[in-house]
N, C-alpha and C. Protein backbone atom coordinates (compact mmCIF):
# COMPACT_ATOMS: atom_id res chain seq x y z
N MET A 1 85.23 204.48 -102.28
CA MET A 1 86.51 204.14 -101.70
C MET A 1 86.41 203.88 -100.21
N ASN A 2 85.46 204.51 -99.53
CA ASN A 2 85.32 204.31 -98.09
C ASN A 2 84.67 202.97 -97.81
N ALA A 3 85.19 202.27 -96.83
CA ALA A 3 84.63 200.99 -96.42
C ALA A 3 83.90 201.21 -95.09
N LEU A 4 82.60 201.38 -95.16
CA LEU A 4 81.82 201.65 -93.95
C LEU A 4 81.55 200.38 -93.17
N THR A 5 81.67 200.46 -91.86
CA THR A 5 81.28 199.37 -90.98
C THR A 5 79.92 199.74 -90.40
N PRO A 6 79.25 198.84 -89.71
CA PRO A 6 77.91 199.16 -89.19
C PRO A 6 77.84 200.42 -88.33
N GLY A 7 78.90 200.79 -87.62
CA GLY A 7 78.89 201.98 -86.78
C GLY A 7 79.15 203.27 -87.54
N ASP A 8 79.63 203.16 -88.78
CA ASP A 8 79.94 204.34 -89.58
C ASP A 8 78.72 204.80 -90.37
N LYS A 9 78.54 206.13 -90.42
CA LYS A 9 77.46 206.69 -91.22
C LYS A 9 77.98 207.94 -91.90
N ILE A 10 77.64 208.11 -93.16
CA ILE A 10 77.99 209.32 -93.90
C ILE A 10 76.68 210.02 -94.27
N ASP A 11 76.55 211.27 -93.89
CA ASP A 11 75.37 212.06 -94.22
C ASP A 11 75.61 212.74 -95.56
N HIS A 12 75.18 212.08 -96.62
CA HIS A 12 75.43 212.56 -97.98
C HIS A 12 74.64 213.83 -98.31
N ALA A 13 73.70 214.21 -97.46
CA ALA A 13 72.95 215.45 -97.69
C ALA A 13 73.81 216.68 -97.35
N GLN A 14 74.88 216.47 -96.59
CA GLN A 14 75.76 217.57 -96.18
C GLN A 14 76.95 217.68 -97.14
N PRO A 15 77.46 218.89 -97.34
CA PRO A 15 78.67 219.03 -98.16
C PRO A 15 79.92 218.61 -97.38
N VAL A 16 80.94 218.18 -98.10
CA VAL A 16 82.22 217.83 -97.48
C VAL A 16 82.95 219.12 -97.13
N LYS A 17 83.46 219.20 -95.91
CA LYS A 17 84.31 220.33 -95.54
C LYS A 17 85.74 219.94 -95.90
N PRO A 18 86.35 220.60 -96.89
CA PRO A 18 87.70 220.21 -97.30
C PRO A 18 88.72 220.42 -96.19
N VAL A 19 89.61 219.46 -96.04
CA VAL A 19 90.70 219.52 -95.08
C VAL A 19 91.99 219.71 -95.89
N ARG A 20 92.88 220.57 -95.39
CA ARG A 20 94.17 220.80 -96.06
C ARG A 20 95.16 219.75 -95.55
N ILE A 21 95.52 218.83 -96.45
CA ILE A 21 96.32 217.67 -96.08
C ILE A 21 97.66 217.69 -96.80
N ALA A 22 98.73 217.48 -96.05
CA ALA A 22 100.08 217.35 -96.62
C ALA A 22 100.49 215.88 -96.56
N ILE A 23 101.21 215.45 -97.59
CA ILE A 23 101.65 214.06 -97.68
C ILE A 23 103.17 214.03 -97.69
N LEU A 24 103.73 213.21 -96.81
CA LEU A 24 105.17 213.07 -96.70
C LEU A 24 105.57 211.62 -96.95
N THR A 25 106.34 211.40 -97.99
CA THR A 25 106.90 210.07 -98.25
C THR A 25 108.28 210.01 -97.61
N VAL A 26 108.50 208.97 -96.81
CA VAL A 26 109.78 208.77 -96.15
C VAL A 26 110.47 207.59 -96.84
N SER A 27 111.56 207.89 -97.55
CA SER A 27 112.24 206.84 -98.31
C SER A 27 113.64 207.28 -98.72
N ASP A 28 114.55 206.34 -98.70
CA ASP A 28 115.90 206.57 -99.20
C ASP A 28 116.00 206.28 -100.68
N THR A 29 114.98 205.63 -101.25
CA THR A 29 115.08 205.17 -102.63
C THR A 29 114.08 205.79 -103.59
N ARG A 30 113.01 206.37 -103.10
CA ARG A 30 111.98 206.90 -104.00
C ARG A 30 112.24 208.35 -104.37
N ASP A 31 111.83 208.67 -105.59
CA ASP A 31 111.84 210.06 -106.05
C ASP A 31 110.41 210.37 -106.50
N GLU A 32 110.17 211.56 -107.00
CA GLU A 32 108.80 211.96 -107.36
C GLU A 32 108.17 210.98 -108.35
N GLU A 33 108.95 210.48 -109.28
CA GLU A 33 108.41 209.56 -110.29
C GLU A 33 108.07 208.20 -109.70
N SER A 34 108.92 207.69 -108.82
CA SER A 34 108.72 206.34 -108.28
C SER A 34 107.94 206.31 -106.96
N ASP A 35 107.46 207.45 -106.53
CA ASP A 35 106.73 207.55 -105.26
C ASP A 35 105.28 207.11 -105.44
N THR A 36 105.07 205.83 -105.68
CA THR A 36 103.72 205.35 -105.99
C THR A 36 102.76 205.50 -104.81
N SER A 37 103.21 205.22 -103.58
CA SER A 37 102.29 205.33 -102.44
C SER A 37 101.92 206.79 -102.19
N GLY A 38 102.85 207.70 -102.38
CA GLY A 38 102.55 209.13 -102.24
C GLY A 38 101.53 209.58 -103.28
N HIS A 39 101.67 209.07 -104.50
CA HIS A 39 100.71 209.41 -105.56
C HIS A 39 99.33 208.83 -105.27
N VAL A 40 99.30 207.60 -104.75
CA VAL A 40 98.02 206.98 -104.38
C VAL A 40 97.31 207.85 -103.35
N LEU A 41 98.04 208.26 -102.32
CA LEU A 41 97.45 209.11 -101.28
C LEU A 41 96.97 210.44 -101.85
N ALA A 42 97.81 211.09 -102.65
CA ALA A 42 97.45 212.39 -103.22
C ALA A 42 96.17 212.28 -104.05
N ASP A 43 96.08 211.24 -104.86
CA ASP A 43 94.88 211.05 -105.70
C ASP A 43 93.65 210.84 -104.84
N ARG A 44 93.77 210.05 -103.79
CA ARG A 44 92.62 209.77 -102.93
C ARG A 44 92.21 211.00 -102.11
N VAL A 45 93.18 211.76 -101.64
CA VAL A 45 92.89 212.99 -100.89
C VAL A 45 92.07 213.93 -101.76
N LYS A 46 92.51 214.14 -102.99
CA LYS A 46 91.79 215.05 -103.90
C LYS A 46 90.43 214.50 -104.30
N ALA A 47 90.36 213.19 -104.55
CA ALA A 47 89.08 212.57 -104.94
C ALA A 47 88.04 212.69 -103.83
N ALA A 48 88.49 212.75 -102.57
CA ALA A 48 87.58 212.85 -101.43
C ALA A 48 87.12 214.29 -101.20
N GLY A 49 87.61 215.24 -102.03
CA GLY A 49 87.19 216.62 -101.89
C GLY A 49 88.07 217.46 -100.99
N HIS A 50 89.23 216.93 -100.61
CA HIS A 50 90.16 217.66 -99.76
C HIS A 50 91.18 218.40 -100.61
N GLU A 51 91.93 219.28 -99.96
CA GLU A 51 92.97 220.04 -100.63
C GLU A 51 94.33 219.43 -100.33
N LEU A 52 95.09 219.13 -101.37
CA LEU A 52 96.46 218.66 -101.19
C LEU A 52 97.30 219.89 -100.90
N ALA A 53 97.61 220.11 -99.62
CA ALA A 53 98.32 221.32 -99.20
C ALA A 53 99.78 221.31 -99.63
N ASP A 54 100.39 220.13 -99.63
CA ASP A 54 101.78 219.99 -100.05
C ASP A 54 102.08 218.50 -100.13
N LYS A 55 103.16 218.18 -100.82
CA LYS A 55 103.62 216.80 -100.95
C LYS A 55 105.13 216.85 -101.02
N ALA A 56 105.80 215.99 -100.23
CA ALA A 56 107.25 216.00 -100.20
C ALA A 56 107.78 214.60 -99.97
N ILE A 57 109.07 214.45 -100.27
CA ILE A 57 109.79 213.21 -100.01
C ILE A 57 111.03 213.57 -99.19
N VAL A 58 111.23 212.84 -98.10
CA VAL A 58 112.45 213.00 -97.30
C VAL A 58 113.05 211.61 -97.09
N ARG A 59 114.34 211.58 -96.85
CA ARG A 59 115.01 210.30 -96.61
C ARG A 59 114.68 209.79 -95.21
N ASP A 60 115.00 208.54 -94.98
CA ASP A 60 114.78 207.91 -93.67
C ASP A 60 115.77 208.50 -92.68
N ASP A 61 115.44 209.66 -92.16
CA ASP A 61 116.32 210.38 -91.25
C ASP A 61 115.45 211.13 -90.25
N ILE A 62 115.68 210.88 -88.97
CA ILE A 62 114.84 211.46 -87.92
C ILE A 62 114.77 212.98 -88.02
N VAL A 63 115.91 213.63 -88.20
CA VAL A 63 115.93 215.09 -88.27
C VAL A 63 115.15 215.60 -89.48
N ALA A 64 115.35 214.99 -90.64
CA ALA A 64 114.66 215.42 -91.86
C ALA A 64 113.14 215.26 -91.74
N ILE A 65 112.71 214.15 -91.16
CA ILE A 65 111.28 213.89 -90.97
C ILE A 65 110.69 214.94 -90.03
N ARG A 66 111.34 215.15 -88.90
CA ARG A 66 110.83 216.12 -87.92
C ARG A 66 110.78 217.53 -88.50
N GLU A 67 111.83 217.92 -89.21
CA GLU A 67 111.86 219.28 -89.77
C GLU A 67 110.70 219.51 -90.72
N LYS A 68 110.40 218.54 -91.56
CA LYS A 68 109.30 218.71 -92.53
C LYS A 68 107.96 218.79 -91.80
N ILE A 69 107.74 217.91 -90.86
CA ILE A 69 106.47 217.91 -90.11
C ILE A 69 106.33 219.20 -89.30
N GLN A 70 107.38 219.59 -88.60
CA GLN A 70 107.32 220.81 -87.79
C GLN A 70 107.12 222.05 -88.67
N GLY A 71 107.70 222.06 -89.85
CA GLY A 71 107.50 223.18 -90.77
C GLY A 71 106.05 223.29 -91.22
N TRP A 72 105.45 222.15 -91.56
CA TRP A 72 104.04 222.17 -91.97
C TRP A 72 103.15 222.60 -90.81
N VAL A 73 103.42 222.09 -89.62
CA VAL A 73 102.62 222.48 -88.44
C VAL A 73 102.76 223.98 -88.19
N ALA A 74 103.98 224.48 -88.24
CA ALA A 74 104.24 225.90 -87.97
C ALA A 74 103.62 226.82 -89.02
N SER A 75 103.38 226.30 -90.21
CA SER A 75 102.80 227.13 -91.28
C SER A 75 101.40 227.62 -90.93
N GLY A 76 100.69 226.88 -90.08
CA GLY A 76 99.32 227.24 -89.75
C GLY A 76 98.34 226.95 -90.87
N PHE A 77 98.82 226.42 -91.96
CA PHE A 77 97.97 226.15 -93.13
C PHE A 77 97.53 224.68 -93.18
N VAL A 78 98.42 223.77 -92.83
CA VAL A 78 98.16 222.34 -92.92
C VAL A 78 97.31 221.90 -91.73
N GLU A 79 96.25 221.14 -92.02
CA GLU A 79 95.36 220.65 -90.96
C GLU A 79 95.59 219.17 -90.63
N ALA A 80 96.16 218.43 -91.56
CA ALA A 80 96.46 217.02 -91.35
C ALA A 80 97.67 216.65 -92.19
N ILE A 81 98.46 215.72 -91.68
CA ILE A 81 99.64 215.22 -92.37
C ILE A 81 99.54 213.70 -92.41
N ILE A 82 99.81 213.14 -93.58
CA ILE A 82 99.88 211.68 -93.70
C ILE A 82 101.26 211.33 -94.21
N THR A 83 101.97 210.50 -93.45
CA THR A 83 103.27 210.02 -93.92
C THR A 83 103.10 208.61 -94.45
N THR A 84 103.96 208.25 -95.38
CA THR A 84 104.00 206.90 -95.91
C THR A 84 105.44 206.44 -95.94
N GLY A 85 105.70 205.30 -95.32
CA GLY A 85 107.05 204.75 -95.30
C GLY A 85 107.74 204.93 -93.97
N GLY A 86 108.70 204.06 -93.72
CA GLY A 86 109.53 204.15 -92.53
C GLY A 86 108.91 203.62 -91.25
N THR A 87 107.79 202.89 -91.36
CA THR A 87 107.13 202.38 -90.16
C THR A 87 107.43 200.90 -89.91
N GLY A 88 108.31 200.33 -90.71
CA GLY A 88 108.62 198.91 -90.55
C GLY A 88 109.57 198.66 -89.39
N ILE A 89 110.22 197.49 -89.44
CA ILE A 89 111.05 197.08 -88.31
C ILE A 89 112.53 196.95 -88.67
N THR A 90 112.92 197.42 -89.84
CA THR A 90 114.34 197.35 -90.19
C THR A 90 115.08 198.51 -89.54
N GLY A 91 116.38 198.45 -89.61
CA GLY A 91 117.21 199.49 -89.00
C GLY A 91 116.98 200.87 -89.59
N ARG A 92 116.61 200.95 -90.87
CA ARG A 92 116.42 202.25 -91.52
C ARG A 92 115.03 202.83 -91.25
N ASP A 93 114.11 202.05 -90.73
CA ASP A 93 112.74 202.52 -90.49
C ASP A 93 112.69 203.33 -89.21
N VAL A 94 112.58 204.66 -89.33
CA VAL A 94 112.66 205.54 -88.16
C VAL A 94 111.48 206.53 -88.06
N THR A 95 110.44 206.34 -88.86
CA THR A 95 109.34 207.31 -88.81
C THR A 95 108.71 207.40 -87.42
N PRO A 96 108.36 206.30 -86.75
CA PRO A 96 107.79 206.44 -85.40
C PRO A 96 108.74 207.12 -84.43
N GLU A 97 110.03 206.82 -84.52
CA GLU A 97 111.01 207.45 -83.62
C GLU A 97 111.09 208.95 -83.88
N ALA A 98 110.90 209.34 -85.12
CA ALA A 98 110.94 210.77 -85.48
C ALA A 98 109.68 211.49 -85.05
N VAL A 99 108.54 210.87 -85.24
CA VAL A 99 107.26 211.56 -85.10
C VAL A 99 106.66 211.46 -83.70
N GLU A 100 106.71 210.30 -83.09
CA GLU A 100 106.03 210.15 -81.80
C GLU A 100 106.49 211.13 -80.72
N PRO A 101 107.78 211.49 -80.64
CA PRO A 101 108.16 212.49 -79.64
C PRO A 101 107.55 213.88 -79.89
N LEU A 102 107.07 214.11 -81.09
CA LEU A 102 106.42 215.39 -81.41
C LEU A 102 104.96 215.42 -80.96
N PHE A 103 104.37 214.26 -80.73
CA PHE A 103 102.95 214.19 -80.40
C PHE A 103 102.63 214.91 -79.10
N ASP A 104 101.65 215.80 -79.16
CA ASP A 104 101.06 216.37 -77.96
C ASP A 104 100.11 215.34 -77.35
N LYS A 105 99.44 214.59 -78.22
CA LYS A 105 98.58 213.49 -77.82
C LYS A 105 98.72 212.39 -78.85
N LYS A 106 98.85 211.16 -78.38
CA LYS A 106 98.92 210.01 -79.27
C LYS A 106 97.51 209.45 -79.44
N LEU A 107 97.18 209.06 -80.65
CA LEU A 107 95.89 208.45 -80.95
C LEU A 107 96.08 206.93 -80.96
N ASP A 108 96.07 206.35 -79.77
CA ASP A 108 96.35 204.91 -79.63
C ASP A 108 95.42 204.04 -80.47
N GLY A 109 94.18 204.45 -80.59
CA GLY A 109 93.20 203.65 -81.34
C GLY A 109 93.52 203.54 -82.82
N PHE A 110 94.25 204.51 -83.37
CA PHE A 110 94.57 204.45 -84.79
C PHE A 110 95.34 203.18 -85.12
N SER A 111 96.38 202.90 -84.36
CA SER A 111 97.19 201.71 -84.62
C SER A 111 96.34 200.45 -84.51
N VAL A 112 95.49 200.40 -83.51
CA VAL A 112 94.64 199.22 -83.31
C VAL A 112 93.72 199.02 -84.52
N VAL A 113 93.04 200.07 -84.93
CA VAL A 113 92.10 199.96 -86.06
C VAL A 113 92.86 199.68 -87.36
N PHE A 114 94.00 200.36 -87.56
CA PHE A 114 94.78 200.10 -88.77
C PHE A 114 95.18 198.63 -88.84
N HIS A 115 95.64 198.05 -87.73
CA HIS A 115 96.05 196.65 -87.74
C HIS A 115 94.87 195.71 -87.97
N MET A 116 93.69 196.06 -87.46
CA MET A 116 92.50 195.24 -87.74
C MET A 116 92.21 195.22 -89.24
N VAL A 117 92.28 196.39 -89.86
CA VAL A 117 92.02 196.51 -91.30
C VAL A 117 93.13 195.81 -92.08
N SER A 118 94.36 196.05 -91.70
CA SER A 118 95.51 195.47 -92.39
C SER A 118 95.51 193.95 -92.31
N TYR A 119 95.09 193.41 -91.18
CA TYR A 119 95.04 191.96 -91.00
C TYR A 119 94.16 191.31 -92.07
N GLN A 120 93.09 192.00 -92.45
CA GLN A 120 92.20 191.47 -93.47
C GLN A 120 92.90 191.37 -94.84
N SER A 121 93.91 192.21 -95.06
CA SER A 121 94.63 192.21 -96.34
C SER A 121 95.89 191.36 -96.32
N VAL A 122 96.68 191.45 -95.23
CA VAL A 122 98.00 190.81 -95.23
C VAL A 122 98.18 189.81 -94.09
N GLY A 123 97.14 189.54 -93.34
CA GLY A 123 97.24 188.56 -92.26
C GLY A 123 98.22 189.00 -91.19
N THR A 124 98.93 188.04 -90.64
CA THR A 124 99.83 188.34 -89.54
C THR A 124 101.03 189.19 -89.94
N SER A 125 101.25 189.41 -91.22
CA SER A 125 102.33 190.30 -91.65
C SER A 125 102.10 191.73 -91.17
N THR A 126 100.88 192.04 -90.73
CA THR A 126 100.61 193.37 -90.17
C THR A 126 101.46 193.64 -88.93
N LEU A 127 101.97 192.59 -88.29
CA LEU A 127 102.83 192.76 -87.13
C LEU A 127 104.11 193.51 -87.46
N GLN A 128 104.49 193.55 -88.72
CA GLN A 128 105.73 194.22 -89.13
C GLN A 128 105.55 195.73 -89.28
N SER A 129 104.34 196.23 -89.07
CA SER A 129 104.07 197.66 -89.19
C SER A 129 103.99 198.32 -87.82
N ARG A 130 104.55 199.52 -87.74
CA ARG A 130 104.43 200.33 -86.53
C ARG A 130 103.66 201.61 -86.87
N ALA A 131 102.58 201.44 -87.62
CA ALA A 131 101.72 202.59 -87.97
C ALA A 131 101.31 203.29 -86.69
N THR A 132 101.27 204.61 -86.75
CA THR A 132 100.97 205.39 -85.55
C THR A 132 100.28 206.69 -85.95
N ALA A 133 99.70 207.37 -84.98
CA ALA A 133 99.05 208.66 -85.25
C ALA A 133 98.99 209.46 -83.97
N GLY A 134 98.89 210.78 -84.15
CA GLY A 134 98.77 211.67 -83.01
C GLY A 134 98.49 213.08 -83.46
N ILE A 135 98.56 213.99 -82.51
CA ILE A 135 98.31 215.41 -82.78
C ILE A 135 99.58 216.17 -82.44
N VAL A 136 100.02 217.00 -83.38
CA VAL A 136 101.21 217.84 -83.20
C VAL A 136 100.77 219.28 -83.42
N GLY A 137 100.78 220.09 -82.38
CA GLY A 137 100.44 221.50 -82.53
C GLY A 137 99.10 221.75 -83.19
N GLY A 138 98.11 220.93 -82.88
CA GLY A 138 96.78 221.10 -83.45
C GLY A 138 96.60 220.49 -84.83
N VAL A 139 97.58 219.72 -85.29
CA VAL A 139 97.52 219.08 -86.61
C VAL A 139 97.51 217.56 -86.43
N PHE A 140 96.57 216.89 -87.08
CA PHE A 140 96.55 215.43 -87.04
C PHE A 140 97.69 214.90 -87.90
N VAL A 141 98.42 213.91 -87.37
CA VAL A 141 99.51 213.28 -88.12
C VAL A 141 99.29 211.77 -88.09
N PHE A 142 99.20 211.18 -89.28
CA PHE A 142 99.00 209.75 -89.45
C PHE A 142 100.22 209.18 -90.15
N CYS A 143 100.81 208.13 -89.61
CA CYS A 143 102.00 207.51 -90.20
C CYS A 143 101.66 206.11 -90.68
N LEU A 144 101.68 205.94 -91.99
CA LEU A 144 101.33 204.67 -92.63
C LEU A 144 102.57 203.99 -93.18
N PRO A 145 102.50 202.67 -93.37
CA PRO A 145 103.57 201.97 -94.08
C PRO A 145 103.69 202.49 -95.52
N GLY A 146 104.76 202.09 -96.19
CA GLY A 146 105.03 202.60 -97.53
C GLY A 146 104.46 201.82 -98.68
N SER A 147 103.83 200.69 -98.43
CA SER A 147 103.28 199.91 -99.55
C SER A 147 101.98 200.52 -100.04
N ASN A 148 101.71 200.34 -101.32
CA ASN A 148 100.45 200.85 -101.89
C ASN A 148 99.24 200.24 -101.20
N GLY A 149 99.32 198.94 -100.89
CA GLY A 149 98.19 198.28 -100.22
C GLY A 149 97.93 198.86 -98.85
N ALA A 150 98.97 199.11 -98.09
CA ALA A 150 98.81 199.67 -96.75
C ALA A 150 98.26 201.09 -96.81
N VAL A 151 98.71 201.85 -97.79
CA VAL A 151 98.22 203.22 -97.96
C VAL A 151 96.73 203.21 -98.33
N LYS A 152 96.36 202.32 -99.23
CA LYS A 152 94.94 202.21 -99.62
C LYS A 152 94.09 201.80 -98.43
N ASP A 153 94.53 200.78 -97.68
CA ASP A 153 93.78 200.35 -96.50
C ASP A 153 93.70 201.47 -95.47
N GLY A 154 94.82 202.12 -95.20
CA GLY A 154 94.84 203.18 -94.19
C GLY A 154 93.96 204.35 -94.55
N TRP A 155 94.01 204.78 -95.82
CA TRP A 155 93.18 205.91 -96.25
C TRP A 155 91.73 205.48 -96.40
N ASP A 156 91.48 204.45 -97.21
CA ASP A 156 90.12 204.07 -97.56
C ASP A 156 89.28 203.62 -96.37
N LYS A 157 89.90 202.90 -95.45
CA LYS A 157 89.13 202.24 -94.40
C LYS A 157 89.26 202.89 -93.02
N VAL A 158 90.16 203.88 -92.88
CA VAL A 158 90.34 204.49 -91.57
C VAL A 158 90.37 206.03 -91.68
N ILE A 159 91.43 206.56 -92.26
CA ILE A 159 91.65 208.00 -92.24
C ILE A 159 90.57 208.78 -92.98
N SER A 160 90.21 208.32 -94.17
CA SER A 160 89.22 209.08 -94.97
C SER A 160 87.90 209.24 -94.23
N LEU A 161 87.52 208.26 -93.46
CA LEU A 161 86.26 208.34 -92.72
C LEU A 161 86.33 209.39 -91.62
N GLN A 162 87.45 209.41 -90.90
CA GLN A 162 87.57 210.36 -89.80
C GLN A 162 87.86 211.78 -90.29
N LEU A 163 88.36 211.93 -91.51
CA LEU A 163 88.57 213.27 -92.07
C LEU A 163 87.42 213.69 -92.98
N ASP A 164 86.31 212.98 -92.89
CA ASP A 164 85.09 213.33 -93.63
C ASP A 164 84.14 214.02 -92.65
N SER A 165 83.88 215.28 -92.88
CA SER A 165 83.04 216.08 -91.97
C SER A 165 81.61 215.55 -91.88
N ARG A 166 81.21 214.69 -92.80
CA ARG A 166 79.85 214.13 -92.81
C ARG A 166 79.75 212.82 -92.04
N HIS A 167 80.89 212.32 -91.55
CA HIS A 167 80.93 211.01 -90.90
C HIS A 167 80.35 211.08 -89.49
N GLY A 168 79.54 210.10 -89.17
CA GLY A 168 78.97 209.99 -87.84
C GLY A 168 79.22 208.62 -87.26
N PRO A 169 79.18 208.50 -85.98
CA PRO A 169 78.58 209.46 -85.06
C PRO A 169 79.46 210.68 -84.76
N CYS A 170 80.75 210.62 -85.08
CA CYS A 170 81.62 211.78 -84.89
C CYS A 170 82.80 211.66 -85.84
N ASN A 171 83.56 212.74 -85.97
CA ASN A 171 84.71 212.73 -86.86
C ASN A 171 85.76 213.70 -86.33
N MET A 172 86.95 213.62 -86.88
CA MET A 172 88.04 214.48 -86.42
C MET A 172 87.94 215.90 -86.94
N VAL A 173 87.25 216.11 -88.03
CA VAL A 173 87.11 217.45 -88.60
C VAL A 173 86.39 218.37 -87.62
N GLU A 174 85.35 217.86 -86.99
CA GLU A 174 84.59 218.70 -86.05
C GLU A 174 85.41 219.04 -84.81
N LEU A 175 86.47 218.29 -84.55
CA LEU A 175 87.33 218.56 -83.38
C LEU A 175 88.46 219.54 -83.69
N MET A 176 88.77 219.75 -84.96
CA MET A 176 89.91 220.58 -85.33
C MET A 176 89.92 221.96 -84.67
N PRO A 177 88.81 222.66 -84.60
CA PRO A 177 88.86 223.99 -83.96
C PRO A 177 89.17 223.94 -82.46
N ARG A 178 89.05 222.76 -81.85
CA ARG A 178 89.22 222.64 -80.40
C ARG A 178 90.53 221.97 -80.00
N LEU A 179 91.38 221.61 -80.94
CA LEU A 179 92.58 220.85 -80.62
C LEU A 179 93.58 221.60 -79.76
N LEU A 180 93.58 222.92 -79.85
CA LEU A 180 94.55 223.70 -79.09
C LEU A 180 93.95 224.35 -77.85
N GLU A 181 92.75 223.92 -77.46
CA GLU A 181 92.13 224.45 -76.25
C GLU A 181 92.99 224.16 -75.03
N THR A 182 92.92 225.08 -74.07
CA THR A 182 93.61 224.84 -72.79
C THR A 182 92.63 224.96 -71.65
């Protein structure tokens, strides 16, 4: 599932260090049965050897999105959060507005790399996405669009590599113990 580029290396001789990942679907219309992008992410997280810490659906509402993310961060159990949905440009799309003010640090490169990958799949339509990522209270938070294709591209070609402890030359897993340093 991982799409390695020349700079990416996976040391298959090492075991995968499982990361506890929560998945949040942001949608006014999806329920557990119709949450296809959430299911795609959950399946890929587990297939990569990680632990699905929790999975939830909230409506396109800034307060609801923030409350769920802040609750997971406060739990001390979740190490990474991936959201799907609400990153578009319509009036109801509010995931970046909800999440970015929570960031202690924004991962500017995530959006750049996601759009490079997305461009290969959907061309200039990638401009309609406001995918974003950052760190909230020592937890990585990645916000992806709600389409199955965008979720597959975001996980397979970007997030899964950085949440793989065997990935070189470096990865986000090795940084997790140091995220709250002062």
